[in-house]
């Protein structure tokens, strides 16, 4: 049971109830009708990244669907929250990649997305034997990874939102959804 395809999605939901705000975030991400099972951070070898709309056409309501998902919620007025999934794909075919989840407060989409991408790339770099200093700036490490030729691509999907003045629950989700 190894996924051969993956798509990325994100969403935001707002409601007076926390659970309902989560449901609305899943609806906004278009994955509310599946039984989602969270899995850890491995992107299977040769797993093809496809557009969300194409991936959704391959799924049926009620289906058990595996995903790497980041979720964050708050009802604190004016609170900035983010959920992000980072992805690092190795250059060499047949090797596995990494996905990472990151959820934070006070970070915009760019900052949270860059961090999630960096996490995934760092995990992949260590398994590929790329020597790097984790204390170095992300841009310096990214340049080293590019030069090594071992990491072909990094990306992320990130959703951020600000809780309204009314303090209604706000939930953000970001997910990598696998298709068998």
Protein backbone atom coordinates (compact mmCIF):
# COMPACT_ATOMS: atom_id res chain seq x y z
CA UNK A 1 0.00 0.00 0.00
CA UNK A 2 2.34 2.70 -1.29
CA UNK A 3 0.86 5.98 -2.54
CA UNK A 4 1.76 6.80 -6.14
CA UNK A 5 0.30 10.33 -6.20
CA UNK A 6 -0.02 13.27 -3.82
CA UNK A 7 -1.74 16.64 -3.95
CA UNK A 8 -1.51 19.67 -1.70
CA UNK A 9 -4.42 21.64 -0.31
CA UNK A 10 -5.21 24.28 2.30
CA UNK A 11 -8.19 25.94 3.91
CA UNK A 12 -9.55 28.20 6.62
CA UNK A 13 -12.76 28.01 8.65
CA UNK A 14 -14.46 30.29 11.16
CA UNK A 15 -17.29 29.45 13.57
CA UNK A 16 -18.38 29.98 17.19
CA UNK A 17 -17.51 26.30 17.86
CA UNK A 18 -13.93 25.02 17.48
CA UNK A 19 -14.96 21.69 15.93
CA UNK A 20 -17.18 23.40 13.39
CA UNK A 21 -14.37 25.80 12.44
CA UNK A 22 -12.19 22.73 11.75
CA UNK A 23 -14.94 21.20 9.58
CA UNK A 24 -15.25 24.46 7.65
CA UNK A 25 -11.47 24.57 7.11
CA UNK A 26 -11.62 21.02 5.71
CA UNK A 27 -14.51 22.08 3.45
CA UNK A 28 -12.53 25.08 2.24
CA UNK A 29 -9.64 22.71 1.47
CA UNK A 30 -12.15 20.38 -0.27
CA UNK A 31 -11.24 17.32 1.85
CA UNK A 32 -14.14 17.25 4.33
CA UNK A 33 -15.86 14.22 2.79
CA UNK A 34 -13.01 11.77 3.43
CA UNK A 35 -11.96 9.83 6.50
CA UNK A 36 -8.55 11.39 6.97
CA UNK A 37 -5.78 9.38 8.59
CA UNK A 38 -2.68 11.34 9.57
CA UNK A 39 0.62 9.68 8.71
CA UNK A 40 4.22 10.69 9.29
CA UNK A 41 6.59 12.50 7.01
CA UNK A 42 7.76 10.22 4.19
CA UNK A 43 7.05 11.08 0.56
CA UNK A 44 7.22 7.66 -1.15
CA UNK A 45 9.72 7.11 -3.96
CA UNK A 46 8.34 8.08 -7.39
CA UNK A 47 5.23 9.65 -5.83
CA UNK A 48 3.93 12.11 -8.42
CA UNK A 49 2.71 15.56 -7.32
CA UNK A 50 -0.58 16.31 -9.08
CA UNK A 51 -3.00 19.28 -9.01
CA UNK A 52 -5.65 19.24 -6.27
CA UNK A 53 -8.61 19.10 -8.67
CA UNK A 54 -7.13 16.09 -10.48
CA UNK A 55 -6.49 14.31 -7.18
CA UNK A 56 -9.99 14.97 -5.84
CA UNK A 57 -11.46 13.25 -8.91
CA UNK A 58 -9.72 10.02 -7.84
CA UNK A 59 -11.29 9.95 -4.36
CA UNK A 60 -14.76 8.85 -3.20
CA UNK A 61 -16.81 10.26 -0.29
CA UNK A 62 -16.21 8.22 2.86
CA UNK A 63 -12.92 6.81 1.56
CA UNK A 64 -10.07 6.35 4.04
CA UNK A 65 -7.41 8.77 2.85
CA UNK A 66 -3.91 9.11 4.27
CA UNK A 67 -2.42 12.56 4.60
CA UNK A 68 0.24 14.65 6.28
CA UNK A 69 -1.72 17.50 7.84
CA UNK A 70 -0.95 20.60 9.85
CA UNK A 71 -3.79 22.21 11.83
CA UNK A 72 -3.88 25.30 14.01
CA UNK A 73 -6.80 26.98 15.82
CA UNK A 74 -7.42 30.00 18.03
CA UNK A 75 -10.25 32.19 19.26
CA UNK A 76 -8.00 34.98 20.54
CA UNK A 77 -9.05 38.19 18.79
CA UNK A 78 -6.54 39.50 16.22
CA UNK A 79 -4.29 36.42 16.61
CA UNK A 80 -2.32 35.47 13.47
CA UNK A 81 -2.06 31.72 12.98
CA UNK A 82 -0.59 29.50 10.27
CA UNK A 83 -0.51 25.84 9.23
CA UNK A 84 2.02 24.60 6.71
CA UNK A 85 3.26 21.39 5.08
CA UNK A 86 6.73 21.49 3.56
CA UNK A 87 8.01 19.08 0.91
CA UNK A 88 11.52 18.08 -0.21
CA UNK A 89 11.95 15.82 -3.24
CA UNK A 90 15.27 14.06 -3.95
CA UNK A 91 16.89 14.39 -7.37
CA UNK A 92 17.59 10.65 -7.62
CA UNK A 93 14.60 8.62 -8.78
CA UNK A 94 13.72 5.75 -6.47
CA UNK A 95 14.63 7.61 -3.26
CA UNK A 96 12.03 8.82 -0.79
CA UNK A 97 11.48 12.45 0.10
CA UNK A 98 10.19 14.23 3.18
CA UNK A 99 7.10 16.13 4.23
CA UNK A 100 6.97 18.28 7.34
CA UNK A 101 4.19 19.87 9.37
CA UNK A 102 4.56 23.28 10.96
CA UNK A 103 1.92 25.26 12.82
CA UNK A 104 2.63 28.59 14.41
CA UNK A 105 1.32 31.84 15.81
CA UNK A 106 2.53 35.26 14.67
CA UNK A 107 3.99 34.05 11.35
CA UNK A 108 2.65 35.04 7.94
CA UNK A 109 2.30 32.50 5.09
CA UNK A 110 5.74 33.22 3.66
CA UNK A 111 7.60 32.81 6.94
CA UNK A 112 5.68 29.68 8.01
CA UNK A 113 5.99 28.15 4.53
CA UNK A 114 9.73 28.79 4.34
CA UNK A 115 10.17 27.21 7.76
CA UNK A 116 8.18 24.09 6.80
CA UNK A 117 10.14 23.78 3.55
CA UNK A 118 13.40 24.13 5.48
CA UNK A 119 12.33 21.39 7.92
CA UNK A 120 11.57 18.96 5.08
CA UNK A 121 14.81 19.80 3.25
CA UNK A 122 16.86 19.43 6.43
CA UNK A 123 15.40 15.98 7.13
CA UNK A 124 16.06 14.89 3.55
CA UNK A 125 19.58 16.35 3.56
CA UNK A 126 20.55 14.35 6.64
CA UNK A 127 19.36 11.08 5.07
CA UNK A 128 21.24 11.86 1.84
CA UNK A 129 24.48 12.56 3.70
CA UNK A 130 24.66 16.24 2.76
CA UNK A 131 26.96 17.90 5.26
CA UNK A 132 25.51 21.20 6.47
CA UNK A 133 25.52 23.44 9.50
CA UNK A 134 21.99 23.61 10.96
CA UNK A 135 22.87 26.97 12.53
CA UNK A 136 23.41 28.57 9.12
CA UNK A 137 20.80 30.78 7.53
CA UNK A 138 18.13 28.95 5.51
CA UNK A 139 19.22 30.62 2.26
CA UNK A 140 22.83 29.48 2.81
CA UNK A 141 21.69 25.89 3.45
CA UNK A 142 19.35 25.97 0.44
CA UNK A 143 22.26 27.05 -1.77
CA UNK A 144 24.37 24.16 -0.43
CA UNK A 145 21.54 21.71 -1.15
CA UNK A 146 21.22 23.01 -4.71
CA UNK A 147 24.97 22.74 -5.26
CA UNK A 148 24.99 19.15 -3.97
CA UNK A 149 22.53 18.19 -6.72
CA UNK A 150 20.83 15.73 -4.35
CA UNK A 151 17.65 17.71 -3.64
CA UNK A 152 15.74 18.58 -6.78
CA UNK A 153 12.83 20.59 -5.41
CA UNK A 154 11.28 21.98 -2.27
CA UNK A 155 7.82 23.45 -1.93
CA UNK A 156 5.14 24.13 0.65
CA UNK A 157 1.43 24.67 1.06
CA UNK A 158 0.53 27.16 3.76
CA UNK A 159 -2.65 28.74 5.10
CA UNK A 160 -2.65 31.68 7.49
CA UNK A 161 -5.50 33.70 8.96
CA UNK A 162 -6.20 36.32 11.58
CA UNK A 163 -8.88 35.68 14.20
CA UNK A 164 -11.58 38.32 13.92
CA UNK A 165 -12.33 40.95 16.56
CA UNK A 166 -15.39 38.89 17.55
CA UNK A 167 -13.20 36.02 18.82
CA UNK A 168 -14.90 33.29 16.75
CA UNK A 169 -12.82 30.14 16.43
CA UNK A 170 -10.54 30.26 13.40
CA UNK A 171 -8.89 27.09 12.14
CA UNK A 172 -6.30 26.76 9.37
CA UNK A 173 -5.30 23.50 7.70
CA UNK A 174 -2.63 22.53 5.19
CA UNK A 175 -2.30 18.98 3.88
CA UNK A 176 -0.48 16.65 1.55
CA UNK A 177 -3.12 14.09 0.51
CA UNK A 178 -2.01 10.69 -0.77
CA UNK A 179 -3.68 8.65 -3.50
CA UNK A 180 -3.01 4.93 -3.78
